[in-house]
Every structure is written in C-alpha cells, then in structure tokens.
C-alpha cells in the first residue's frame, strides 16, 4: 500500500515541478521567477525524500538535506543580487 502512496506522491511532485518550470519560463517579473525556483527546490527535496522512503536507504535523506542548504543559499544570493546588484559587499 505504501508503494502506491509513494508513486502517487511522486506523480504529484512531478506535476508540481512541471508547473514550476512553466512559471519560470513565463513569469513577468524576476521576483516571480525566483519564487518559482525556490518552490522547485522544495519539490525536489520532497522527491528525494520520497525516493528514500521507497528504496529504504538513508542516502537520499542526506542528499535532500544538502539540496535544502544549497537551495536556501542560492535563493538568498538571487534576492541579494536583485536588491543590491551584487552578492558580496
């Protein structure tokens, strides 16, 4: 039963990734694109976690934590670049 639930959740997250990709390509403002990219990072974290549950290994959980840290730093860097024109002061 858990297999069907994981497959359904992966399908939903995959559809969410496609919607985020559409939003990145068709957004009017750069802030909308940054928010869509941040949401895409969250969806990838969910997919990695579900794959870890499906295969029963901890490697995917560690990968999702690393992806979360890199995604957070990249979102902050994009926002700082938009606001100030540079990342490092």
C-alpha atoms as a PDB file:
ATOM      1  CA  UNK A   1       0.000   0.000   0.000  1.00  0.00           C
ATOM      2  CA  UNK A   2       2.867   2.379   0.792  1.00  0.00           C
ATOM      3  CA  UNK A   3       4.223   1.761  -2.698  1.00  0.00           C
ATOM      4  CA  UNK A   4       1.086   3.152  -4.304  1.00  0.00           C
ATOM      5  CA  UNK A   5       1.107   6.150  -1.991  1.00  0.00           C
ATOM      6  CA  UNK A   6       4.736   6.934  -2.811  1.00  0.00           C
ATOM      7  CA  UNK A   7       4.115   6.583  -6.554  1.00  0.00           C
ATOM      8  CA  UNK A   8       1.079   8.881  -6.309  1.00  0.00           C
ATOM      9  CA  UNK A   9       3.071  11.438  -4.317  1.00  0.00           C
ATOM     10  CA  UNK A  10       5.954  11.288  -6.808  1.00  0.00           C
ATOM     11  CA  UNK A  11       3.490  11.895  -9.630  1.00  0.00           C
ATOM     12  CA  UNK A  12       2.059  14.914  -7.818  1.00  0.00           C
ATOM     13  CA  UNK A  13       5.527  16.330  -7.116  1.00  0.00           C
ATOM     14  CA  UNK A  14       6.493  15.747 -10.754  1.00  0.00           C
ATOM     15  CA  UNK A  15       3.429  17.657 -11.906  1.00  0.00           C
ATOM     16  CA  UNK A  16       4.359  20.417  -9.469  1.00  0.00           C
ATOM     17  CA  UNK A  17       7.847  20.564 -10.979  1.00  0.00           C
ATOM     18  CA  UNK A  18       6.364  20.947 -14.436  1.00  0.00           C
ATOM     19  CA  UNK A  19       4.148  23.788 -13.224  1.00  0.00           C
ATOM     20  CA  UNK A  20       7.164  25.486 -11.617  1.00  0.00           C
ATOM     21  CA  UNK A  21       9.127  25.126 -14.832  1.00  0.00           C
ATOM     22  CA  UNK A  22       6.259  26.736 -16.731  1.00  0.00           C
ATOM     23  CA  UNK A  23       6.162  29.575 -14.197  1.00  0.00           C
ATOM     24  CA  UNK A  24       9.907  30.146 -14.512  1.00  0.00           C
ATOM     25  CA  UNK A  25       9.683  30.450 -18.287  1.00  0.00           C
ATOM     26  CA  UNK A  26       6.508  32.572 -18.430  1.00  0.00           C
ATOM     27  CA  UNK A  27       6.790  34.890 -15.399  1.00  0.00           C
ATOM     28  CA  UNK A  28       6.501  38.636 -15.836  1.00  0.00           C
ATOM     29  CA  UNK A  29       8.911  39.718 -13.095  1.00  0.00           C
ATOM     30  CA  UNK A  30      12.215  38.331 -11.876  1.00  0.00           C
ATOM     31  CA  UNK A  31      10.838  38.000  -8.333  1.00  0.00           C
ATOM     32  CA  UNK A  32       8.195  35.559  -9.586  1.00  0.00           C
ATOM     33  CA  UNK A  33      10.926  33.507 -11.217  1.00  0.00           C
ATOM     34  CA  UNK A  34      12.961  33.415  -8.015  1.00  0.00           C
ATOM     35  CA  UNK A  35       9.920  32.265  -6.028  1.00  0.00           C
ATOM     36  CA  UNK A  36       9.174  29.572  -8.609  1.00  0.00           C
ATOM     37  CA  UNK A  37      12.787  28.393  -8.429  1.00  0.00           C
ATOM     38  CA  UNK A  38      12.590  28.246  -4.630  1.00  0.00           C
ATOM     39  CA  UNK A  39       9.372  26.227  -4.859  1.00  0.00           C
ATOM     40  CA  UNK A  40      11.095  23.957  -7.355  1.00  0.00           C
ATOM     41  CA  UNK A  41      13.853  23.326  -4.806  1.00  0.00           C
ATOM     42  CA  UNK A  42      11.228  22.392  -2.218  1.00  0.00           C
ATOM     43  CA  UNK A  43       9.599  19.961  -4.666  1.00  0.00           C
ATOM     44  CA  UNK A  44      12.954  18.323  -5.417  1.00  0.00           C
ATOM     45  CA  UNK A  45      13.567  17.923  -1.683  1.00  0.00           C
ATOM     46  CA  UNK A  46      10.188  16.178  -1.406  1.00  0.00           C
ATOM     47  CA  UNK A  47      11.003  13.916  -4.343  1.00  0.00           C
ATOM     48  CA  UNK A  48      14.368  12.947  -2.854  1.00  0.00           C
ATOM     49  CA  UNK A  49      12.712  12.162   0.468  1.00  0.00           C
ATOM     50  CA  UNK A  50      10.053  10.021  -1.204  1.00  0.00           C
ATOM     51  CA  UNK A  51      12.692   8.125  -3.163  1.00  0.00           C
ATOM     52  CA  UNK A  52      14.495   7.498   0.126  1.00  0.00           C
ATOM     53  CA  UNK A  53      11.285   6.083   1.605  1.00  0.00           C
ATOM     54  CA  UNK A  54      10.653   3.969  -1.495  1.00  0.00           C
ATOM     55  CA  UNK A  55      14.123   2.404  -1.553  1.00  0.00           C
ATOM     56  CA  UNK A  56      14.577   2.356   2.232  1.00  0.00           C
ATOM     57  CA  UNK A  57      18.002   3.990   2.271  1.00  0.00           C
ATOM     58  CA  UNK A  58      19.327   6.984   4.167  1.00  0.00           C
ATOM     59  CA  UNK A  59      21.475   8.291   1.332  1.00  0.00           C
ATOM     60  CA  UNK A  60      18.567  10.180  -0.227  1.00  0.00           C
ATOM     61  CA  UNK A  61      17.704  11.869   3.074  1.00  0.00           C
ATOM     62  CA  UNK A  62      21.250  13.195   3.329  1.00  0.00           C
ATOM     63  CA  UNK A  63      21.106  14.343  -0.283  1.00  0.00           C
ATOM     64  CA  UNK A  64      17.839  16.184   0.421  1.00  0.00           C
ATOM     65  CA  UNK A  65      19.445  17.982   3.376  1.00  0.00           C
ATOM     66  CA  UNK A  66      22.372  19.074   1.201  1.00  0.00           C
ATOM     67  CA  UNK A  67      19.986  20.192  -1.525  1.00  0.00           C
ATOM     68  CA  UNK A  68      17.987  22.186   1.045  1.00  0.00           C
ATOM     69  CA  UNK A  69      21.096  24.030   2.213  1.00  0.00           C
ATOM     70  CA  UNK A  70      22.251  24.824  -1.320  1.00  0.00           C
ATOM     71  CA  UNK A  71      18.740  25.881  -2.342  1.00  0.00           C
ATOM     72  CA  UNK A  72      18.435  28.223   0.634  1.00  0.00           C
ATOM     73  CA  UNK A  73      21.786  29.876  -0.059  1.00  0.00           C
ATOM     74  CA  UNK A  74      21.012  30.250  -3.768  1.00  0.00           C
ATOM     75  CA  UNK A  75      17.649  31.888  -3.055  1.00  0.00           C
ATOM     76  CA  UNK A  76      19.286  34.369  -0.695  1.00  0.00           C
ATOM     77  CA  UNK A  77      22.011  35.078  -3.259  1.00  0.00           C
ATOM     78  CA  UNK A  78      19.474  35.690  -6.044  1.00  0.00           C
ATOM     79  CA  UNK A  79      17.439  38.036  -3.851  1.00  0.00           C
ATOM     80  CA  UNK A  80      20.501  39.939  -2.720  1.00  0.00           C
ATOM     81  CA  UNK A  81      21.654  40.273  -6.329  1.00  0.00           C
ATOM     82  CA  UNK A  82      18.269  41.672  -7.371  1.00  0.00           C
ATOM     83  CA  UNK A  83      18.100  44.135  -4.471  1.00  0.00           C
ATOM     84  CA  UNK A  84      21.686  45.394  -4.442  1.00  0.00           C
ATOM     85  CA  UNK A  85      23.209  44.430  -7.779  1.00  0.00           C
ATOM     86  CA  UNK A  86      25.940  42.387  -6.146  1.00  0.00           C
ATOM     87  CA  UNK A  87      26.258  39.384  -3.880  1.00  0.00           C
ATOM     88  CA  UNK A  88      29.393  40.215  -1.893  1.00  0.00           C
ATOM     89  CA  UNK A  89      29.787  43.580  -0.219  1.00  0.00           C
END
